[in-house]
Amino acid sequence: MGKYVLKRILLALMTTFLILSLSFIFVKLLPQERFIGKPEQRIAYYEEQVRLGYMASSKIERKDETPVDFVTLSNGVTTYYYTVPVMQQYGTWLKNIIFHWDWGVSKTISPNVKATVIIGEKLMTTIKINIFSVIFSVPIGILLGIWAALKKNTMTDHIISTLVMVFISLPSFVLITFMMLILCYKNSILPTQWPNPTDPVKNRILGYIIPVFCLSFGSICGYCRFVRAELCEVMENDYLLLARTKGLTKKQAIMRHAMKNAMVPIFPSILAEFIGILGGSMILENLYGIPGIGKLFITSLTVKDYNILFVDMAIFTTVSLLAGVVLDLSYGFIDPRIRMGAK
């Protein structure tokens, strides 16, 4: 088991490494744009790139190469800045990350501020919203699925299943648009955008309602459908009939046996659902103005702030792959039959 866990973790890390490496190389092959800002800011940014090894500077213009930019100070001294070969940048990039954990500085979003600092400021907001969404969606979705399974082929089951099929097809960005239109702009019940940290506590709490509900909506429908299908399948097994013949009531048989076995594939899916929500929050964060890493990802891609983009990609990729590892391993911890089969 230890060898298997180590192998899966190393495989996940290797996949992350390949994804980020290819992304870095392809991005650096694009034409580099000039830094927009005051001469002092431009000098500070370019000198940081030279220090990190991504650019080279020269007081004399090279005849055989076009500079990315040049800066002339008040004393009349002009400095020209050139890019170094892509693979040399790649080697320097790996060295800076491995030995110094230096991902570079922001070019546009927050000029000359370290990318890791910017991500750290935004990360907690995204984590809070996604954790609240999971806490809200898991119990409601599981309870609705249990209710539909226990009322199988009745009017209650048909209503729940029909509503689930309808609402699971509704994209989250469509839902948040309607909620903002009705609850924010027409009736002024909730804030029209994510509250500022200086706003009253009441407004900051109300600001969580729309994003948490919109992220939870699809998860609730998914859990309901999944739990209903699993529980209905388990309830048709012979061992439940045997439990009933031994004197257990229907409620006792379901709670002691059916529910325990039906939950085996459901609990690990919570991890996968969290990752799905994490990716879906990108659109919601942009629509509602939430200062999280989802919005930062799209913003950095739009304004071509690639150092921010690489750190954001590293977070999403690593979390997704490691969650898949935990998802596979969790089956063995939850179900003893899987551990016995492995032996």
Protein backbone atom coordinates (compact mmCIF):
# COMPACT_ATOMS: atom_id res chain seq x y z
CA MET A 1 0.00 0.00 0.00
CA GLY A 2 2.84 2.37 0.85
CA LYS A 3 4.50 1.76 -2.51
CA TYR A 4 1.19 2.32 -4.31
CA VAL A 5 0.54 5.60 -2.48
CA LEU A 6 4.08 6.84 -3.18
CA LYS A 7 3.78 5.84 -6.83
CA ARG A 8 0.48 7.67 -7.27
CA ILE A 9 1.75 10.83 -5.57
CA LEU A 10 4.91 10.86 -7.68
CA LEU A 11 2.83 10.30 -10.82
CA ALA A 12 0.58 13.23 -9.90
CA LEU A 13 3.55 15.49 -9.24
CA MET A 14 5.17 14.42 -12.51
CA THR A 15 1.96 15.21 -14.41
CA THR A 16 1.85 18.63 -12.76
CA PHE A 17 5.47 19.21 -13.71
CA LEU A 18 4.82 18.31 -17.36
CA ILE A 19 1.71 20.50 -17.59
CA LEU A 20 3.43 23.54 -16.12
CA SER A 21 6.60 22.97 -18.16
CA LEU A 22 4.76 22.77 -21.46
CA SER A 23 2.63 25.78 -20.54
CA PHE A 24 5.74 27.82 -19.69
CA ILE A 25 7.53 26.92 -22.92
CA PHE A 26 4.51 27.61 -25.16
CA VAL A 27 3.76 30.92 -23.43
CA LYS A 28 7.36 32.08 -23.66
CA LEU A 29 7.33 31.34 -27.40
CA LEU A 30 4.73 34.08 -27.82
CA PRO A 31 5.94 37.61 -28.66
CA GLN A 32 6.78 39.43 -25.42
CA GLU A 33 4.97 42.72 -24.88
CA ARG A 34 6.45 45.81 -23.31
CA PHE A 35 5.88 46.74 -19.71
CA ILE A 36 3.44 49.64 -19.42
CA GLY A 37 4.25 52.12 -16.67
CA LYS A 38 6.50 54.89 -15.48
CA PRO A 39 10.24 54.66 -16.26
CA GLU A 40 11.04 53.80 -12.64
CA GLN A 41 8.52 50.96 -12.65
CA ARG A 42 9.74 49.71 -16.01
CA ILE A 43 13.35 49.75 -14.83
CA ALA A 44 12.40 47.88 -11.64
CA TYR A 45 10.47 45.24 -13.57
CA TYR A 46 13.10 44.66 -16.24
CA GLU A 47 15.94 44.56 -13.73
CA GLU A 48 14.00 41.91 -11.79
CA GLN A 49 13.67 39.88 -14.99
CA VAL A 50 17.41 40.24 -15.57
CA ARG A 51 18.11 39.13 -12.00
CA LEU A 52 15.90 36.08 -12.42
CA GLY A 53 17.59 35.22 -15.72
CA TYR A 54 14.64 35.73 -18.10
CA MET A 55 16.10 38.82 -19.83
CA ALA A 56 19.45 40.41 -20.57
CA SER A 57 20.30 44.12 -20.49
CA SER A 58 22.76 46.20 -22.49
CA LYS A 59 23.74 49.85 -22.64
CA ILE A 60 24.35 49.48 -26.38
CA GLU A 61 21.70 48.43 -28.87
CA ARG A 62 22.45 45.14 -30.56
CA LYS A 63 22.34 45.24 -34.35
CA ASP A 64 21.31 41.62 -34.81
CA GLU A 65 18.46 41.55 -32.28
CA THR A 66 15.36 43.63 -31.60
CA PRO A 67 14.98 44.66 -27.95
CA VAL A 68 11.79 44.00 -26.06
CA ASP A 69 11.99 47.52 -24.66
CA PHE A 70 14.44 50.27 -23.80
CA VAL A 71 14.33 52.83 -21.02
CA THR A 72 15.97 56.25 -21.07
CA LEU A 73 16.46 57.94 -17.71
CA SER A 74 16.68 61.66 -17.02
CA ASN A 75 20.49 61.53 -17.16
CA GLY A 76 20.28 60.42 -20.78
CA VAL A 77 21.46 56.83 -20.19
CA THR A 78 19.51 54.28 -22.22
CA THR A 79 19.28 50.63 -21.26
CA TYR A 80 18.10 48.00 -23.77
CA TYR A 81 16.44 44.78 -22.63
CA TYR A 82 16.44 41.54 -24.61
CA THR A 83 14.88 38.13 -24.03
CA VAL A 84 17.14 35.12 -23.62
CA PRO A 85 16.47 31.79 -25.40
CA VAL A 86 13.30 30.02 -24.26
CA MET A 87 14.98 26.87 -23.01
CA GLN A 88 17.48 28.97 -21.05
CA GLN A 89 14.52 30.78 -19.47
CA TYR A 90 12.95 27.41 -18.71
CA GLY A 91 16.05 26.15 -16.91
CA THR A 92 16.28 29.38 -14.94
CA TRP A 93 12.58 29.18 -14.10
CA LEU A 94 12.96 25.66 -12.69
CA LYS A 95 16.04 26.65 -10.68
CA ASN A 96 14.30 29.70 -9.20
CA ILE A 97 11.27 27.66 -8.15
CA ILE A 98 13.11 24.61 -6.78
CA PHE A 99 15.85 26.42 -4.87
CA HIS A 100 14.28 29.79 -4.05
CA TRP A 101 10.50 29.27 -4.52
CA ASP A 102 10.57 32.41 -6.66
CA TRP A 103 7.82 32.48 -9.31
CA GLY A 104 8.64 36.01 -10.44
CA VAL A 105 6.74 39.27 -10.08
CA SER A 106 3.51 40.62 -11.53
CA LYS A 107 3.77 42.63 -14.72
CA THR A 108 0.30 44.20 -15.00
CA ILE A 109 -2.05 43.32 -12.14
CA SER A 110 0.21 44.55 -9.32
CA PRO A 111 3.48 45.66 -10.94
CA ASN A 112 6.65 44.36 -9.30
CA VAL A 113 4.79 42.49 -6.55
CA LYS A 114 5.73 38.82 -6.13
CA ALA A 115 3.25 36.45 -7.79
CA THR A 116 3.07 34.19 -4.73
CA VAL A 117 2.12 37.17 -2.54
CA ILE A 118 -0.75 38.12 -4.86
CA ILE A 119 -2.02 34.53 -5.02
CA GLY A 120 -1.80 34.21 -1.23
CA GLU A 121 -4.01 37.26 -0.80
CA LYS A 122 -6.70 35.85 -3.11
CA LEU A 123 -6.56 32.16 -2.23
CA MET A 124 -8.43 32.23 1.07
CA THR A 125 -11.51 33.87 -0.46
CA THR A 126 -11.88 31.09 -3.03
CA ILE A 127 -11.31 28.39 -0.41
CA LYS A 128 -13.96 29.85 1.91
CA ILE A 129 -16.60 30.03 -0.81
CA ASN A 130 -15.94 26.49 -2.00
CA ILE A 131 -15.90 25.01 1.50
CA PHE A 132 -19.20 26.70 2.35
CA SER A 133 -20.65 25.38 -0.92
CA VAL A 134 -19.62 21.81 -0.12
CA ILE A 135 -20.96 22.07 3.45
CA PHE A 136 -24.26 23.38 2.11
CA SER A 137 -24.69 21.02 -0.85
CA VAL A 138 -23.59 17.65 0.56
CA PRO A 139 -26.23 17.12 3.30
CA ILE A 140 -29.08 18.57 1.22
CA GLY A 141 -28.21 16.53 -1.85
CA ILE A 142 -27.78 13.29 0.12
CA LEU A 143 -31.04 13.76 2.04
CA LEU A 144 -33.00 14.48 -1.15
CA GLY A 145 -31.48 11.38 -2.78
CA ILE A 146 -32.40 9.21 0.21
CA TRP A 147 -35.93 10.60 0.22
CA ALA A 148 -36.34 9.91 -3.51
CA ALA A 149 -34.98 6.35 -3.13
CA LEU A 150 -37.26 5.53 -0.21
CA LYS A 151 -40.21 6.89 -2.21
CA LYS A 152 -39.19 5.09 -5.39
CA ASN A 153 -41.77 5.15 -8.21
CA THR A 154 -44.10 7.42 -6.23
CA MET A 155 -45.17 10.97 -7.05
CA THR A 156 -42.50 12.32 -4.67
CA ASP A 157 -39.78 10.41 -6.51
CA HIS A 158 -41.02 11.57 -9.91
CA ILE A 159 -41.15 15.22 -8.83
CA ILE A 160 -37.66 15.16 -7.29
CA SER A 161 -36.15 13.31 -10.26
CA THR A 162 -37.78 15.64 -12.79
CA LEU A 163 -36.62 18.77 -10.97
CA VAL A 164 -33.12 17.35 -10.67
CA MET A 165 -32.94 16.62 -14.40
CA VAL A 166 -34.18 20.12 -15.22
CA PHE A 167 -31.98 22.05 -12.82
CA ILE A 168 -28.82 20.00 -13.31
CA SER A 169 -28.83 21.26 -16.91
CA LEU A 170 -28.89 24.89 -15.77
CA PRO A 171 -25.38 26.42 -15.95
CA SER A 172 -24.20 28.22 -12.85
CA PHE A 173 -23.50 31.46 -14.71
CA VAL A 174 -27.12 31.54 -15.93
CA LEU A 175 -28.38 30.97 -12.40
CA ILE A 176 -26.20 33.70 -10.89
CA THR A 177 -27.34 36.11 -13.61
CA PHE A 178 -31.00 35.57 -12.75
CA MET A 179 -30.33 35.76 -9.02
CA MET A 180 -28.44 39.02 -9.38
CA LEU A 181 -31.18 40.43 -11.58
CA ILE A 182 -34.03 39.50 -9.21
CA LEU A 183 -32.44 39.71 -5.75
CA CYS A 184 -29.92 42.50 -6.33
CA TYR A 185 -31.01 44.90 -9.03
CA LYS A 186 -34.81 44.65 -8.92
CA ASN A 187 -35.44 44.10 -5.21
CA SER A 188 -32.15 45.19 -3.57
CA ILE A 189 -32.26 42.28 -1.12
CA LEU A 190 -28.63 41.24 -1.58
CA PRO A 191 -25.46 43.15 -2.53
CA THR A 192 -24.99 43.67 -6.27
CA GLN A 193 -21.35 42.59 -6.02
CA TRP A 194 -18.89 41.11 -3.54
CA PRO A 195 -18.68 43.39 -0.47
CA ASN A 196 -15.49 45.18 0.46
CA PRO A 197 -13.60 44.15 3.63
CA THR A 198 -14.57 47.49 5.18
CA ASP A 199 -18.32 46.94 4.69
CA PRO A 200 -20.57 46.07 7.67
CA VAL A 201 -20.56 42.47 8.84
CA LYS A 202 -24.17 42.00 7.68
CA ASN A 203 -23.30 42.94 4.09
CA ARG A 204 -20.25 40.67 4.10
CA ILE A 205 -22.37 37.74 5.26
CA LEU A 206 -25.08 38.47 2.68
CA GLY A 207 -22.39 38.57 0.01
CA TYR A 208 -21.81 34.82 0.43
CA ILE A 209 -25.43 33.86 -0.35
CA ILE A 210 -25.40 34.20 -4.15
CA PRO A 211 -22.02 32.56 -4.92
CA VAL A 212 -22.48 29.76 -2.37
CA PHE A 213 -26.00 28.97 -3.58
CA CYS A 214 -25.03 29.06 -7.25
CA LEU A 215 -22.03 26.79 -6.69
CA SER A 216 -24.11 24.41 -4.57
CA PHE A 217 -27.08 24.15 -6.90
CA GLY A 218 -25.54 21.80 -9.44
CA SER A 219 -23.85 19.78 -6.68
CA ILE A 220 -27.14 19.26 -4.85
CA CYS A 221 -28.74 17.90 -8.03
CA GLY A 222 -25.75 15.66 -8.72
CA TYR A 223 -25.65 14.22 -5.21
CA CYS A 224 -29.40 13.64 -5.22
CA ARG A 225 -29.31 11.70 -8.47
CA PHE A 226 -26.21 9.72 -7.47
CA VAL A 227 -27.50 8.80 -3.99
CA ARG A 228 -30.89 7.77 -5.33
CA ALA A 229 -29.34 5.49 -7.97
CA GLU A 230 -26.90 3.87 -5.50
CA LEU A 231 -29.47 3.36 -2.76
CA CYS A 232 -32.07 1.93 -5.16
CA GLU A 233 -29.49 -0.56 -6.45
CA VAL A 234 -28.41 -1.59 -2.95
CA MET A 235 -32.02 -2.00 -1.75
CA GLU A 236 -32.61 -4.64 -4.44
CA ASN A 237 -29.79 -6.91 -3.19
CA ASP A 238 -30.51 -10.27 -1.58
CA TYR A 239 -28.78 -9.52 1.71
CA LEU A 240 -31.45 -6.92 2.53
CA LEU A 241 -34.12 -9.57 2.05
CA LEU A 242 -32.13 -11.83 4.35
CA ALA A 243 -31.92 -9.05 6.93
CA ARG A 244 -35.70 -8.61 6.78
CA THR A 245 -36.30 -12.35 7.22
CA LYS A 246 -34.13 -12.26 10.36
CA GLY A 247 -36.57 -9.86 11.95
CA LEU A 248 -35.23 -6.40 11.08
CA THR A 249 -37.77 -3.78 10.11
CA LYS A 250 -37.49 -2.01 6.78
CA LYS A 251 -36.10 1.09 8.48
CA GLN A 252 -33.51 -0.94 10.42
CA ALA A 253 -32.41 -2.86 7.32
CA ILE A 254 -31.99 0.34 5.34
CA MET A 255 -30.14 2.26 8.05
CA ARG A 256 -27.85 -0.60 9.16
CA HIS A 257 -27.06 -2.19 5.81
CA ALA A 258 -28.33 -0.35 2.74
CA MET A 259 -27.12 3.11 3.71
CA LYS A 260 -23.66 1.90 4.75
CA ASN A 261 -23.06 0.15 1.42
CA ALA A 262 -24.63 2.89 -0.69
CA MET A 263 -22.34 5.51 0.83
CA VAL A 264 -19.14 3.72 -0.25
CA PRO A 265 -18.96 5.36 -3.72
CA ILE A 266 -20.64 8.56 -2.53
CA PHE A 267 -18.25 9.85 0.13
CA PRO A 268 -15.16 9.78 -2.14
CA SER A 269 -17.13 11.67 -4.79
CA ILE A 270 -17.28 14.66 -2.43
CA LEU A 271 -13.60 15.29 -3.17
CA ALA A 272 -14.21 15.19 -6.89
CA GLU A 273 -17.18 17.49 -6.47
CA PHE A 274 -15.02 20.00 -4.59
CA ILE A 275 -12.60 20.11 -7.50
CA GLY A 276 -15.48 20.62 -9.94
CA ILE A 277 -16.76 23.51 -7.87
CA LEU A 278 -13.26 24.97 -7.68
CA GLY A 279 -13.11 25.15 -11.47
CA GLY A 280 -16.64 26.47 -11.83
CA SER A 281 -15.99 29.30 -9.41
CA MET A 282 -13.84 31.04 -12.04
CA ILE A 283 -16.91 32.27 -13.94
CA LEU A 284 -18.86 33.14 -10.80
CA GLU A 285 -15.97 35.10 -9.33
CA ASN A 286 -15.80 37.19 -12.48
CA LEU A 287 -19.54 37.83 -12.65
CA TYR A 288 -19.91 38.71 -8.97
CA GLY A 289 -16.58 40.51 -8.61
CA ILE A 290 -15.16 38.08 -6.04
CA PRO A 291 -11.42 38.68 -5.49
CA GLY A 292 -10.42 35.01 -5.63
CA ILE A 293 -7.90 33.00 -7.61
CA GLY A 294 -10.58 32.02 -10.15
CA LYS A 295 -11.10 35.62 -11.21
CA LEU A 296 -7.35 36.21 -10.97
CA PHE A 297 -6.73 33.32 -13.39
CA ILE A 298 -8.91 34.82 -16.11
CA THR A 299 -7.62 38.34 -15.45
CA SER A 300 -3.98 37.25 -15.66
CA LEU A 301 -4.69 35.43 -18.92
CA THR A 302 -6.47 38.48 -20.35
CA VAL A 303 -3.78 41.02 -19.45
CA LYS A 304 -0.97 38.52 -20.18
CA ASP A 305 0.46 38.58 -16.67
CA TYR A 306 2.03 35.15 -17.11
CA ASN A 307 3.85 34.83 -13.79
CA ILE A 308 0.51 35.11 -11.98
CA LEU A 309 -0.99 32.67 -14.47
CA PHE A 310 1.67 30.01 -13.81
CA VAL A 311 1.17 30.09 -10.03
CA ASP A 312 -2.61 29.90 -10.49
CA MET A 313 -2.25 26.97 -12.87
CA ALA A 314 0.06 25.23 -10.41
CA ILE A 315 -2.58 25.46 -7.67
CA PHE A 316 -5.48 24.19 -9.79
CA THR A 317 -3.43 21.41 -11.39
CA THR A 318 -1.85 20.17 -8.15
CA VAL A 319 -5.09 20.21 -6.20
CA SER A 320 -6.95 18.39 -8.99
CA LEU A 321 -4.37 15.63 -9.37
CA LEU A 322 -3.77 15.09 -5.65
CA ALA A 323 -7.52 15.01 -5.06
CA GLY A 324 -7.71 12.20 -7.60
CA VAL A 325 -5.08 10.30 -5.62
CA VAL A 326 -6.96 10.82 -2.36
CA LEU A 327 -10.18 9.80 -4.13
CA ASP A 328 -8.71 6.45 -5.21
CA LEU A 329 -7.13 5.75 -1.84
CA SER A 330 -10.28 6.63 0.09
CA TYR A 331 -12.14 3.66 -1.37
CA GLY A 332 -9.81 1.28 0.42
CA PHE A 333 -10.22 3.06 3.74
CA ILE A 334 -14.02 3.19 3.47
CA ASP A 335 -14.73 -0.31 2.14
CA PRO A 336 -12.91 -3.27 3.80
CA ARG A 337 -13.77 -5.47 0.80
CA ILE A 338 -11.47 -3.38 -1.41
CA ARG A 339 -8.59 -3.80 1.05
CA MET A 340 -9.16 -7.57 1.14
CA GLY A 341 -9.26 -7.68 -2.65
CA ALA A 342 -5.97 -5.81 -2.85
CA LYS A 343 -4.31 -8.34 -0.54
